[in-house]
């Protein structure tokens, strides 16, 4: 039986085009900072999208705490954008500490002061 082979990998450039579309036209893919965080794209791409949304260029004139990126159906709170950017930073810092085998600030905060430390 002769049949056509089915291509299981995308043609060259398709992944890059999809990725570029996320950055160049985020409103086609995302409506909130949480959707950006949950997306299956790199941290750098998420950061670029969120940073563009945080730009004063998209500030709502009468309510500067809101941003209205083009194509996004409703205004986005600036605080939510910053919280998403912080979550990316925290995620990256935690991953870096785990890779390096160093203690995180959270684990150091678990120590209740000098009385719990024992030196030999």
PDB file of N, CA and C in Angstrom:
ATOM      1  N   UNK A   1       0.836  -1.165   0.000  1.00  0.00           N
ATOM      2  CA  UNK A   1       0.000   0.000   0.000  1.00  0.00           C
ATOM      3  C   UNK A   1       0.890   1.239   0.000  1.00  0.00           C
ATOM      4  N   UNK A   2       0.666   2.066  -0.944  1.00  0.00           N
ATOM      5  CA  UNK A   2       1.446   3.290  -1.010  1.00  0.00           C
ATOM      6  C   UNK A   2       0.585   4.434  -0.520  1.00  0.00           C
ATOM      7  N   UNK A   3       1.174   5.241   0.257  1.00  0.00           N
ATOM      8  CA  UNK A   3       0.435   6.378   0.794  1.00  0.00           C
ATOM      9  C   UNK A   3       1.371   7.542   1.002  1.00  0.00           C
ATOM     10  N   UNK A   4       0.795   8.651   1.191  1.00  0.00           N
ATOM     11  CA  UNK A   4       1.596   9.842   1.439  1.00  0.00           C
ATOM     12  C   UNK A   4       2.051   9.831   2.893  1.00  0.00           C
ATOM     13  N   UNK A   5       3.261  10.273   3.094  1.00  0.00           N
ATOM     14  CA  UNK A   5       3.735  10.369   4.472  1.00  0.00           C
ATOM     15  C   UNK A   5       3.109  11.604   5.116  1.00  0.00           C
ATOM     16  N   UNK A   6       2.841  11.470   6.375  1.00  0.00           N
ATOM     17  CA  UNK A   6       2.240  12.572   7.115  1.00  0.00           C
ATOM     18  C   UNK A   6       3.349  13.285   7.870  1.00  0.00           C
ATOM     19  N   UNK A   7       3.432  14.550   7.645  1.00  0.00           N
ATOM     20  CA  UNK A   7       4.460  15.359   8.294  1.00  0.00           C
ATOM     21  C   UNK A   7       4.006  15.680   9.717  1.00  0.00           C
ATOM     22  N   UNK A   8       4.828  15.322  10.692  1.00  0.00           N
ATOM     23  CA  UNK A   8       4.457  15.545  12.091  1.00  0.00           C
ATOM     24  C   UNK A   8       5.151  16.761  12.696  1.00  0.00           C
ATOM     25  N   UNK A   9       6.093  17.327  11.987  1.00  0.00           N
ATOM     26  CA  UNK A   9       6.759  18.524  12.491  1.00  0.00           C
ATOM     27  C   UNK A   9       6.332  19.712  11.634  1.00  0.00           C
ATOM     28  N   UNK A  10       6.187  20.873  12.270  1.00  0.00           N
ATOM     29  CA  UNK A  10       5.760  22.043  11.503  1.00  0.00           C
ATOM     30  C   UNK A  10       6.854  22.480  10.527  1.00  0.00           C
ATOM     31  N   UNK A  11       6.456  23.074   9.407  1.00  0.00           N
ATOM     32  CA  UNK A  11       7.447  23.574   8.450  1.00  0.00           C
ATOM     33  C   UNK A  11       8.352  24.620   9.102  1.00  0.00           C
ATOM     34  N   UNK A  12       9.532  24.789   8.534  1.00  0.00           N
ATOM     35  CA  UNK A  12      10.481  25.780   9.058  1.00  0.00           C
ATOM     36  C   UNK A  12       9.822  27.149   9.158  1.00  0.00           C
ATOM     37  N   UNK A  13      10.044  27.805  10.268  1.00  0.00           N
ATOM     38  CA  UNK A  13       9.573  29.170  10.455  1.00  0.00           C
ATOM     39  C   UNK A  13       8.195  29.288  11.079  1.00  0.00           C
ATOM     40  N   UNK A  14       7.440  28.206  11.140  1.00  0.00           N
ATOM     41  CA  UNK A  14       6.076  28.294  11.677  1.00  0.00           C
ATOM     42  C   UNK A  14       6.100  28.634  13.163  1.00  0.00           C
ATOM     43  N   UNK A  15       6.931  27.953  13.931  1.00  0.00           N
ATOM     44  CA  UNK A  15       7.009  28.224  15.373  1.00  0.00           C
ATOM     45  C   UNK A  15       7.444  29.663  15.616  1.00  0.00           C
ATOM     46  N   UNK A  16       8.429  30.124  14.869  1.00  0.00           N
ATOM     47  CA  UNK A  16       8.899  31.497  15.025  1.00  0.00           C
ATOM     48  C   UNK A  16       7.801  32.491  14.672  1.00  0.00           C
ATOM     49  N   UNK A  17       6.996  32.184  13.652  1.00  0.00           N
ATOM     50  CA  UNK A  17       5.904  33.069  13.250  1.00  0.00           C
ATOM     51  C   UNK A  17       4.838  33.135  14.338  1.00  0.00           C
ATOM     52  N   UNK A  18       4.519  31.993  14.933  1.00  0.00           N
ATOM     53  CA  UNK A  18       3.539  31.974  16.017  1.00  0.00           C
ATOM     54  C   UNK A  18       4.062  32.795  17.183  1.00  0.00           C
ATOM     55  N   UNK A  19       5.318  32.601  17.521  1.00  0.00           N
ATOM     56  CA  UNK A  19       5.928  33.322  18.621  1.00  0.00           C
ATOM     57  C   UNK A  19       5.942  34.823  18.347  1.00  0.00           C
ATOM     58  N   UNK A  20       6.290  35.209  17.136  1.00  0.00           N
ATOM     59  CA  UNK A  20       6.310  36.622  16.770  1.00  0.00           C
ATOM     60  C   UNK A  20       4.908  37.212  16.842  1.00  0.00           C
ATOM     61  N   UNK A  21       3.918  36.431  16.468  1.00  0.00           N
ATOM     62  CA  UNK A  21       2.535  36.911  16.526  1.00  0.00           C
ATOM     63  C   UNK A  21       2.124  37.224  17.955  1.00  0.00           C
ATOM     64  N   UNK A  22       2.573  36.416  18.913  1.00  0.00           N
ATOM     65  CA  UNK A  22       2.255  36.680  20.320  1.00  0.00           C
ATOM     66  C   UNK A  22       2.779  38.044  20.745  1.00  0.00           C
ATOM     67  N   UNK A  23       3.970  38.392  20.280  1.00  0.00           N
ATOM     68  CA  UNK A  23       4.585  39.653  20.685  1.00  0.00           C
ATOM     69  C   UNK A  23       4.032  40.829  19.882  1.00  0.00           C
ATOM     70  N   UNK A  24       3.895  40.650  18.569  1.00  0.00           N
ATOM     71  CA  UNK A  24       3.452  41.749  17.720  1.00  0.00           C
ATOM     72  C   UNK A  24       1.951  42.016  17.817  1.00  0.00           C
ATOM     73  N   UNK A  25       1.169  40.987  18.102  1.00  0.00           N
ATOM     74  CA  UNK A  25      -0.286  41.122  18.165  1.00  0.00           C
ATOM     75  C   UNK A  25      -0.840  40.398  19.392  1.00  0.00           C
ATOM     76  N   UNK A  26      -0.396  40.796  20.592  1.00  0.00           N
ATOM     77  CA  UNK A  26      -0.825  40.063  21.791  1.00  0.00           C
ATOM     78  C   UNK A  26      -2.336  40.074  21.986  1.00  0.00           C
ATOM     79  N   UNK A  27      -3.016  41.115  21.509  1.00  0.00           N
ATOM     80  CA  UNK A  27      -4.464  41.199  21.692  1.00  0.00           C
ATOM     81  C   UNK A  27      -5.206  40.076  20.961  1.00  0.00           C
ATOM     82  N   UNK A  28      -4.552  39.440  19.996  1.00  0.00           N
ATOM     83  CA  UNK A  28      -5.172  38.307  19.307  1.00  0.00           C
ATOM     84  C   UNK A  28      -5.097  37.033  20.139  1.00  0.00           C
ATOM     85  N   UNK A  29      -4.257  37.047  21.167  1.00  0.00           N
ATOM     86  CA  UNK A  29      -3.999  35.839  21.945  1.00  0.00           C
ATOM     87  C   UNK A  29      -4.357  35.971  23.432  1.00  0.00           C
ATOM     88  N   UNK A  30      -4.299  37.195  23.965  1.00  0.00           N
ATOM     89  CA  UNK A  30      -4.435  37.387  25.409  1.00  0.00           C
ATOM     90  C   UNK A  30      -5.376  38.542  25.726  1.00  0.00           C
ATOM     91  N   UNK A  31      -6.132  38.401  26.812  1.00  0.00           N
ATOM     92  CA  UNK A  31      -6.992  39.494  27.260  1.00  0.00           C
ATOM     93  C   UNK A  31      -6.663  39.941  28.682  1.00  0.00           C
ATOM     94  N   UNK A  32      -5.720  39.251  29.350  1.00  0.00           N
ATOM     95  CA  UNK A  32      -5.355  39.635  30.713  1.00  0.00           C
ATOM     96  C   UNK A  32      -3.914  39.215  30.995  1.00  0.00           C
ATOM     97  N   UNK A  33      -3.294  39.845  31.989  1.00  0.00           N
ATOM     98  CA  UNK A  33      -1.937  39.449  32.372  1.00  0.00           C
ATOM     99  C   UNK A  33      -1.847  37.973  32.788  1.00  0.00           C
ATOM    100  N   UNK A  34      -2.891  37.450  33.424  1.00  0.00           N
ATOM    101  CA  UNK A  34      -2.864  36.041  33.834  1.00  0.00           C
ATOM    102  C   UNK A  34      -2.836  35.099  32.633  1.00  0.00           C
ATOM    103  N   UNK A  35      -3.507  35.477  31.563  1.00  0.00           N
ATOM    104  CA  UNK A  35      -3.455  34.663  30.344  1.00  0.00           C
ATOM    105  C   UNK A  35      -2.046  34.668  29.762  1.00  0.00           C
ATOM    106  N   UNK A  36      -1.367  35.803  29.856  1.00  0.00           N
ATOM    107  CA  UNK A  36       0.016  35.884  29.374  1.00  0.00           C
ATOM    108  C   UNK A  36       0.888  34.947  30.201  1.00  0.00           C
ATOM    109  N   UNK A  37       0.739  34.989  31.534  1.00  0.00           N
ATOM    110  CA  UNK A  37       1.538  34.129  32.401  1.00  0.00           C
ATOM    111  C   UNK A  37       1.294  32.648  32.125  1.00  0.00           C
ATOM    112  N   UNK A  38       0.070  32.286  31.805  1.00  0.00           N
ATOM    113  CA  UNK A  38      -0.283  30.879  31.599  1.00  0.00           C
ATOM    114  C   UNK A  38       0.084  30.371  30.202  1.00  0.00           C
ATOM    115  N   UNK A  39       0.468  31.260  29.323  1.00  0.00           N
ATOM    116  CA  UNK A  39       0.747  30.877  27.934  1.00  0.00           C
ATOM    117  C   UNK A  39       1.992  30.005  27.829  1.00  0.00           C
ATOM    118  N   UNK A  40       2.017  29.179  26.808  1.00  0.00           N
ATOM    119  CA  UNK A  40       3.148  28.290  26.550  1.00  0.00           C
ATOM    120  C   UNK A  40       4.157  29.000  25.651  1.00  0.00           C
ATOM    121  N   UNK A  41       4.714  30.080  26.187  1.00  0.00           N
ATOM    122  CA  UNK A  41       5.748  30.855  25.494  1.00  0.00           C
ATOM    123  C   UNK A  41       6.863  31.124  26.491  1.00  0.00           C
ATOM    124  N   UNK A  42       7.980  31.607  26.010  1.00  0.00           N
ATOM    125  CA  UNK A  42       9.132  31.813  26.897  1.00  0.00           C
ATOM    126  C   UNK A  42       8.892  32.964  27.870  1.00  0.00           C
ATOM    127  N   UNK A  43       9.647  32.965  28.942  1.00  0.00           N
ATOM    128  CA  UNK A  43       9.553  34.040  29.936  1.00  0.00           C
ATOM    129  C   UNK A  43       9.905  35.383  29.310  1.00  0.00           C
ATOM    130  N   UNK A  44      10.851  35.385  28.380  1.00  0.00           N
ATOM    131  CA  UNK A  44      11.234  36.628  27.712  1.00  0.00           C
ATOM    132  C   UNK A  44      10.077  37.174  26.879  1.00  0.00           C
ATOM    133  N   UNK A  45       9.347  36.285  26.209  1.00  0.00           N
ATOM    134  CA  UNK A  45       8.197  36.720  25.415  1.00  0.00           C
ATOM    135  C   UNK A  45       7.092  37.252  26.322  1.00  0.00           C
ATOM    136  N   UNK A  46       6.849  36.565  27.435  1.00  0.00           N
ATOM    137  CA  UNK A  46       5.845  37.033  28.387  1.00  0.00           C
ATOM    138  C   UNK A  46       6.224  38.417  28.900  1.00  0.00           C
ATOM    139  N   UNK A  47       7.494  38.586  29.242  1.00  0.00           N
ATOM    140  CA  UNK A  47       7.969  39.872  29.759  1.00  0.00           C
ATOM    141  C   UNK A  47       7.787  40.977  28.719  1.00  0.00           C
ATOM    142  N   UNK A  48       8.087  40.680  27.463  1.00  0.00           N
ATOM    143  CA  UNK A  48       7.948  41.684  26.400  1.00  0.00           C
ATOM    144  C   UNK A  48       6.490  42.113  26.241  1.00  0.00           C
ATOM    145  N   UNK A  49       5.579  41.156  26.279  1.00  0.00           N
ATOM    146  CA  UNK A  49       4.156  41.479  26.146  1.00  0.00           C
ATOM    147  C   UNK A  49       3.684  42.314  27.330  1.00  0.00           C
ATOM    148  N   UNK A  50       4.007  41.863  28.547  1.00  0.00           N
ATOM    149  CA  UNK A  50       3.566  42.582  29.739  1.00  0.00           C
ATOM    150  C   UNK A  50       4.186  43.975  29.814  1.00  0.00           C
ATOM    151  N   UNK A  51       5.449  44.084  29.443  1.00  0.00           N
ATOM    152  CA  UNK A  51       6.109  45.398  29.475  1.00  0.00           C
ATOM    153  C   UNK A  51       5.459  46.344  28.475  1.00  0.00           C
ATOM    154  N   UNK A  52       5.075  45.824  27.312  1.00  0.00           N
ATOM    155  CA  UNK A  52       4.424  46.694  26.333  1.00  0.00           C
ATOM    156  C   UNK A  52       3.071  47.163  26.869  1.00  0.00           C
ATOM    157  N   UNK A  53       2.355  46.278  27.563  1.00  0.00           N
ATOM    158  CA  UNK A  53       1.065  46.657  28.140  1.00  0.00           C
ATOM    159  C   UNK A  53       1.237  47.700  29.234  1.00  0.00           C
ATOM    160  N   UNK A  54       2.331  47.649  29.974  1.00  0.00           N
ATOM    161  CA  UNK A  54       2.563  48.584  31.079  1.00  0.00           C
ATOM    162  C   UNK A  54       2.936  49.974  30.585  1.00  0.00           C
ATOM    163  N   UNK A  55       3.291  50.070  29.326  1.00  0.00           N
ATOM    164  CA  UNK A  55       3.732  51.335  28.757  1.00  0.00           C
ATOM    165  C   UNK A  55       2.717  52.450  28.961  1.00  0.00           C
ATOM    166  N   UNK A  56       3.209  53.642  29.224  1.00  0.00           N
ATOM    167  CA  UNK A  56       2.337  54.812  29.350  1.00  0.00           C
ATOM    168  C   UNK A  56       1.593  55.103  28.053  1.00  0.00           C
ATOM    169  N   UNK A  57       2.086  54.580  26.967  1.00  0.00           N
ATOM    170  CA  UNK A  57       1.435  54.749  25.675  1.00  0.00           C
ATOM    171  C   UNK A  57      -0.008  54.254  25.716  1.00  0.00           C
ATOM    172  N   UNK A  58      -0.271  53.215  26.539  1.00  0.00           N
ATOM    173  CA  UNK A  58      -1.596  52.621  26.621  1.00  0.00           C
ATOM    174  C   UNK A  58      -2.389  53.070  27.843  1.00  0.00           C
ATOM    175  N   UNK A  59      -1.890  54.076  28.551  1.00  0.00           N
ATOM    176  CA  UNK A  59      -2.597  54.556  29.742  1.00  0.00           C
ATOM    177  C   UNK A  59      -3.932  55.175  29.337  1.00  0.00           C
ATOM    178  N   UNK A  60      -4.956  54.871  30.111  1.00  0.00           N
ATOM    179  CA  UNK A  60      -6.264  55.489  29.897  1.00  0.00           C
ATOM    180  C   UNK A  60      -6.151  56.911  30.425  1.00  0.00           C
ATOM    181  N   UNK A  61      -6.448  57.873  29.576  1.00  0.00           N
ATOM    182  CA  UNK A  61      -6.196  59.274  29.908  1.00  0.00           C
ATOM    183  C   UNK A  61      -6.858  59.721  31.209  1.00  0.00           C
ATOM    184  N   UNK A  62      -8.096  59.373  31.415  1.00  0.00           N
ATOM    185  CA  UNK A  62      -8.795  59.841  32.605  1.00  0.00           C
ATOM    186  C   UNK A  62      -8.556  58.963  33.834  1.00  0.00           C
ATOM    187  N   UNK A  63      -7.984  57.752  33.621  1.00  0.00           N
ATOM    188  CA  UNK A  63      -7.707  56.826  34.727  1.00  0.00           C
ATOM    189  C   UNK A  63      -6.330  56.204  34.488  1.00  0.00           C
ATOM    190  N   UNK A  64      -5.273  56.895  34.894  1.00  0.00           N
ATOM    191  CA  UNK A  64      -3.921  56.422  34.582  1.00  0.00           C
ATOM    192  C   UNK A  64      -3.537  55.080  35.200  1.00  0.00           C
ATOM    193  N   UNK A  65      -4.325  54.577  36.147  1.00  0.00           N
ATOM    194  CA  UNK A  65      -4.035  53.264  36.740  1.00  0.00           C
ATOM    195  C   UNK A  65      -4.494  52.127  35.828  1.00  0.00           C
ATOM    196  N   UNK A  66      -5.149  52.465  34.720  1.00  0.00           N
ATOM    197  CA  UNK A  66      -5.603  51.466  33.759  1.00  0.00           C
ATOM    198  C   UNK A  66      -4.830  51.597  32.456  1.00  0.00           C
ATOM    199  N   UNK A  67      -4.690  50.475  31.775  1.00  0.00           N
ATOM    200  CA  UNK A  67      -4.065  50.450  30.449  1.00  0.00           C
ATOM    201  C   UNK A  67      -5.060  49.837  29.483  1.00  0.00           C
ATOM    202  N   UNK A  68      -5.087  50.354  28.248  1.00  0.00           N
ATOM    203  CA  UNK A  68      -5.977  49.826  27.223  1.00  0.00           C
ATOM    204  C   UNK A  68      -5.142  49.494  25.982  1.00  0.00           C
ATOM    205  N   UNK A  69      -4.462  48.324  26.013  1.00  0.00           N
ATOM    206  CA  UNK A  69      -3.714  47.922  24.820  1.00  0.00           C
ATOM    207  C   UNK A  69      -4.674  47.720  23.644  1.00  0.00           C
ATOM    208  N   UNK A  70      -4.240  48.011  22.433  1.00  0.00           N
ATOM    209  CA  UNK A  70      -5.118  47.865  21.271  1.00  0.00           C
ATOM    210  C   UNK A  70      -5.647  46.440  21.150  1.00  0.00           C
ATOM    211  N   UNK A  71      -6.948  46.334  20.913  1.00  0.00           N
ATOM    212  CA  UNK A  71      -7.562  45.038  20.686  1.00  0.00           C
ATOM    213  C   UNK A  71      -7.980  44.294  21.937  1.00  0.00           C
ATOM    214  N   UNK A  72      -7.505  44.701  23.105  1.00  0.00           N
ATOM    215  CA  UNK A  72      -7.911  44.045  24.346  1.00  0.00           C
ATOM    216  C   UNK A  72      -9.293  44.598  24.695  1.00  0.00           C
ATOM    217  N   UNK A  73     -10.284  43.725  24.936  1.00  0.00           N
ATOM    218  CA  UNK A  73     -11.666  44.167  25.058  1.00  0.00           C
ATOM    219  C   UNK A  73     -11.968  45.112  26.218  1.00  0.00           C
ATOM    220  N   UNK A  74     -11.219  45.013  27.297  1.00  0.00           N
ATOM    221  CA  UNK A  74     -11.479  45.900  28.431  1.00  0.00           C
ATOM    222  C   UNK A  74     -10.154  46.364  29.022  1.00  0.00           C
ATOM    223  N   UNK A  75     -10.174  47.506  29.712  1.00  0.00           N
ATOM    224  CA  UNK A  75      -8.927  48.007  30.298  1.00  0.00           C
ATOM    225  C   UNK A  75      -8.314  47.009  31.279  1.00  0.00           C
ATOM    226  N   UNK A  76      -7.007  47.065  31.398  1.00  0.00           N
ATOM    227  CA  UNK A  76      -6.245  46.187  32.287  1.00  0.00           C
ATOM    228  C   UNK A  76      -5.637  47.058  33.375  1.00  0.00           C
ATOM    229  N   UNK A  77      -5.729  46.587  34.618  1.00  0.00           N
ATOM    230  CA  UNK A  77      -5.143  47.358  35.720  1.00  0.00           C
ATOM    231  C   UNK A  77      -3.620  47.298  35.650  1.00  0.00           C
ATOM    232  N   UNK A  78      -3.001  48.461  35.800  1.00  0.00           N
ATOM    233  CA  UNK A  78      -1.544  48.555  35.806  1.00  0.00           C
ATOM    234  C   UNK A  78      -0.966  47.680  36.921  1.00  0.00           C
ATOM    235  N   UNK A  79      -1.634  47.651  38.070  1.00  0.00           N
ATOM    236  CA  UNK A  79      -1.178  46.837  39.200  1.00  0.00           C
ATOM    237  C   UNK A  79      -1.154  45.354  38.835  1.00  0.00           C
ATOM    238  N   UNK A  80      -2.119  44.906  38.034  1.00  0.00           N
ATOM    239  CA  UNK A  80      -2.149  43.498  37.614  1.00  0.00           C
ATOM    240  C   UNK A  80      -0.991  43.181  36.671  1.00  0.00           C
ATOM    241  N   UNK A  81      -0.652  44.140  35.821  1.00  0.00           N
ATOM    242  CA  UNK A  81       0.484  43.951  34.905  1.00  0.00           C
ATOM    243  C   UNK A  81       1.775  43.837  35.713  1.00  0.00           C
ATOM    244  N   UNK A  82       1.947  44.746  36.678  1.00  0.00           N
ATOM    245  CA  UNK A  82       3.152  44.703  37.518  1.00  0.00           C
ATOM    246  C   UNK A  82       3.211  43.422  38.342  1.00  0.00           C
ATOM    247  N   UNK A  83       2.064  42.964  38.838  1.00  0.00           N
ATOM    248  CA  UNK A  83       2.035  41.715  39.612  1.00  0.00           C
ATOM    249  C   UNK A  83       2.451  40.528  38.733  1.00  0.00           C
ATOM    250  N   UNK A  84       2.020  40.531  37.486  1.00  0.00           N
ATOM    251  CA  UNK A  84       2.408  39.460  36.569  1.00  0.00           C
ATOM    252  C   UNK A  84       3.903  39.518  36.273  1.00  0.00           C
ATOM    253  N   UNK A  85       4.441  40.712  36.088  1.00  0.00           N
ATOM    254  CA  UNK A  85       5.891  40.851  35.869  1.00  0.00           C
ATOM    255  C   UNK A  85       6.667  40.387  37.103  1.00  0.00           C
ATOM    256  N   UNK A  86       6.173  40.716  38.283  1.00  0.00           N
ATOM    257  CA  UNK A  86       6.827  40.263  39.520  1.00  0.00           C
ATOM    258  C   UNK A  86       6.776  38.746  39.630  1.00  0.00           C
ATOM    259  N   UNK A  87       5.654  38.151  39.243  1.00  0.00           N
ATOM    260  CA  UNK A  87       5.534  36.691  39.275  1.00  0.00           C
ATOM    261  C   UNK A  87       6.568  36.049  38.356  1.00  0.00           C
ATOM    262  N   UNK A  88       6.807  36.665  37.205  1.00  0.00           N
ATOM    263  CA  UNK A  88       7.856  36.157  36.306  1.00  0.00           C
ATOM    264  C   UNK A  88       9.221  36.260  36.963  1.00  0.00           C
ATOM    265  N   UNK A  89       9.486  37.395  37.618  1.00  0.00           N
ATOM    266  CA  UNK A  89      10.763  37.580  38.313  1.00  0.00           C
ATOM    267  C   UNK A  89      10.929  36.554  39.422  1.00  0.00           C
ATOM    268  N   UNK A  90       9.866  36.355  40.215  1.00  0.00           N
ATOM    269  CA  UNK A  90       9.928  35.395  41.322  1.00  0.00           C
ATOM    270  C   UNK A  90      10.134  33.981  40.798  1.00  0.00           C
ATOM    271  N   UNK A  91       9.451  33.646  39.721  1.00  0.00           N
ATOM    272  CA  UNK A  91       9.579  32.322  39.112  1.00  0.00           C
ATOM    273  C   UNK A  91      11.011  32.097  38.622  1.00  0.00           C
ATOM    274  N   UNK A  92      11.579  33.113  37.995  1.00  0.00           N
ATOM    275  CA  UNK A  92      12.946  33.009  37.493  1.00  0.00           C
ATOM    276  C   UNK A  92      13.965  32.923  38.615  1.00  0.00           C
ATOM    277  N   UNK A  93      13.755  33.704  39.678  1.00  0.00           N
ATOM    278  CA  UNK A  93      14.681  33.682  40.811  1.00  0.00           C
ATOM    279  C   UNK A  93      14.648  32.333  41.509  1.00  0.00           C
ATOM    280  N   UNK A  94      13.458  31.782  41.680  1.00  0.00           N
ATOM    281  CA  UNK A  94      13.328  30.475  42.325  1.00  0.00           C
ATOM    282  C   UNK A  94      14.015  29.403  41.489  1.00  0.00           C
ATOM    283  N   UNK A  95      13.811  29.440  40.185  1.00  0.00           N
ATOM    284  CA  UNK A  95      14.442  28.458  39.302  1.00  0.00           C
ATOM    285  C   UNK A  95      15.959  28.597  39.346  1.00  0.00           C
ATOM    286  N   UNK A  96      16.470  29.829  39.377  1.00  0.00           N
ATOM    287  CA  UNK A  96      17.914  30.051  39.448  1.00  0.00           C
ATOM    288  C   UNK A  96      18.488  29.485  40.743  1.00  0.00           C
ATOM    289  N   UNK A  97      17.796  29.739  41.863  1.00  0.00           N
ATOM    290  CA  UNK A  97      18.281  29.236  43.148  1.00  0.00           C
ATOM    291  C   UNK A  97      18.267  27.714  43.183  1.00  0.00           C
ATOM    292  N   UNK A  98      17.250  27.114  42.626  1.00  0.00           N
ATOM    293  CA  UNK A  98      17.177  25.651  42.616  1.00  0.00           C
ATOM    294  C   UNK A  98      18.286  25.055  41.760  1.00  0.00           C
ATOM    295  N   UNK A  99      18.563  25.688  40.623  1.00  0.00           N
ATOM    296  CA  UNK A  99      19.639  25.202  39.749  1.00  0.00           C
ATOM    297  C   UNK A  99      20.994  25.335  40.423  1.00  0.00           C
ATOM    298  N   UNK A 100      21.187  26.425  41.160  1.00  0.00           N
ATOM    299  CA  UNK A 100      22.476  26.679  41.796  1.00  0.00           C
ATOM    300  C   UNK A 100      22.602  25.992  43.150  1.00  0.00           C
ATOM    301  N   UNK A 101      21.489  25.496  43.686  1.00  0.00           N
ATOM    302  CA  UNK A 101      21.519  24.829  44.985  1.00  0.00           C
ATOM    303  C   UNK A 101      21.703  25.790  46.136  1.00  0.00           C
ATOM    304  N   UNK A 102      21.288  27.045  45.964  1.00  0.00           N
ATOM    305  CA  UNK A 102      21.434  28.029  47.028  1.00  0.00           C
ATOM    306  C   UNK A 102      20.107  28.210  47.743  1.00  0.00           C
ATOM    307  N   UNK A 103      20.173  28.720  48.965  1.00  0.00           N
ATOM    308  CA  UNK A 103      18.969  28.952  49.765  1.00  0.00           C
ATOM    309  C   UNK A 103      18.205  30.138  49.214  1.00  0.00           C
ATOM    310  N   UNK A 104      16.911  30.087  49.306  1.00  0.00           N
ATOM    311  CA  UNK A 104      16.086  31.221  48.910  1.00  0.00           C
ATOM    312  C   UNK A 104      15.800  32.072  50.122  1.00  0.00           C
ATOM    313  N   UNK A 105      15.338  33.298  49.888  1.00  0.00           N
ATOM    314  CA  UNK A 105      14.994  34.171  51.004  1.00  0.00           C
ATOM    315  C   UNK A 105      13.879  33.562  51.830  1.00  0.00           C
ATOM    316  N   UNK A 106      12.952  32.871  51.195  1.00  0.00           N
ATOM    317  CA  UNK A 106      11.848  32.250  51.933  1.00  0.00           C
ATOM    318  C   UNK A 106      12.381  31.206  52.903  1.00  0.00           C
ATOM    319  N   UNK A 107      13.351  30.410  52.483  1.00  0.00           N
ATOM    320  CA  UNK A 107      13.869  29.391  53.388  1.00  0.00           C
ATOM    321  C   UNK A 107      14.687  30.029  54.505  1.00  0.00           C
ATOM    322  N   UNK A 108      15.374  31.133  54.220  1.00  0.00           N
ATOM    323  CA  UNK A 108      16.111  31.829  55.272  1.00  0.00           C
ATOM    324  C   UNK A 108      15.149  32.489  56.256  1.00  0.00           C
ATOM    325  N   UNK A 109      13.984  32.913  55.766  1.00  0.00           N
ATOM    326  CA  UNK A 109      12.984  33.532  56.627  1.00  0.00           C
ATOM    327  C   UNK A 109      12.358  32.550  57.591  1.00  0.00           C
ATOM    328  N   UNK A 110      12.507  31.261  57.343  1.00  0.00           N
ATOM    329  CA  UNK A 110      11.950  30.254  58.230  1.00  0.00           C
ATOM    330  C   UNK A 110      12.712  30.176  59.551  1.00  0.00           C
ATOM    331  N   UNK A 111      13.930  30.652  59.571  1.00  0.00           N
ATOM    332  CA  UNK A 111      14.723  30.634  60.795  1.00  0.00           C
ATOM    333  C   UNK A 111      14.159  31.699  61.731  1.00  0.00           C
ATOM    334  N   UNK A 112      13.889  31.331  62.982  1.00  0.00           N
ATOM    335  CA  UNK A 112      13.220  32.217  63.929  1.00  0.00           C
ATOM    336  C   UNK A 112      14.207  33.029  64.769  1.00  0.00           C
ATOM    337  N   UNK A 113      15.322  33.369  64.241  1.00  0.00           N
ATOM    338  CA  UNK A 113      16.272  34.177  64.994  1.00  0.00           C
ATOM    339  C   UNK A 113      17.445  33.354  65.503  1.00  0.00           C
ATOM    340  N   UNK A 114      18.408  34.003  66.176  1.00  0.00           N
ATOM    341  CA  UNK A 114      19.630  33.348  66.614  1.00  0.00           C
ATOM    342  C   UNK A 114      19.409  32.209  67.587  1.00  0.00           C
ATOM    343  N   UNK A 115      18.335  32.215  68.354  1.00  0.00           N
ATOM    344  CA  UNK A 115      18.124  31.172  69.356  1.00  0.00           C
ATOM    345  C   UNK A 115      17.952  29.806  68.711  1.00  0.00           C
ATOM    346  N   UNK A 116      17.548  29.752  67.451  1.00  0.00           N
ATOM    347  CA  UNK A 116      17.335  28.478  66.775  1.00  0.00           C
ATOM    348  C   UNK A 116      18.598  27.981  66.070  1.00  0.00           C
ATOM    349  N   UNK A 117      19.586  28.857  65.960  1.00  0.00           N
ATOM    350  CA  UNK A 117      20.827  28.473  65.289  1.00  0.00           C
ATOM    351  C   UNK A 117      21.750  27.780  66.284  1.00  0.00           C
ATOM    352  N   UNK A 118      22.365  26.700  65.871  1.00  0.00           N
ATOM    353  CA  UNK A 118      23.294  25.992  66.756  1.00  0.00           C
ATOM    354  C   UNK A 118      24.660  25.957  66.079  1.00  0.00           C
ATOM    355  N   UNK A 119      25.628  26.428  66.794  1.00  0.00           N
ATOM    356  CA  UNK A 119      26.998  26.421  66.277  1.00  0.00           C
ATOM    357  C   UNK A 119      27.800  25.422  67.061  1.00  0.00           C
ATOM    358  N   UNK A 120      28.711  24.765  66.413  1.00  0.00           N
ATOM    359  CA  UNK A 120      29.556  23.784  67.100  1.00  0.00           C
ATOM    360  C   UNK A 120      30.987  24.197  67.042  1.00  0.00           C
TER     361      UNK A 120
END
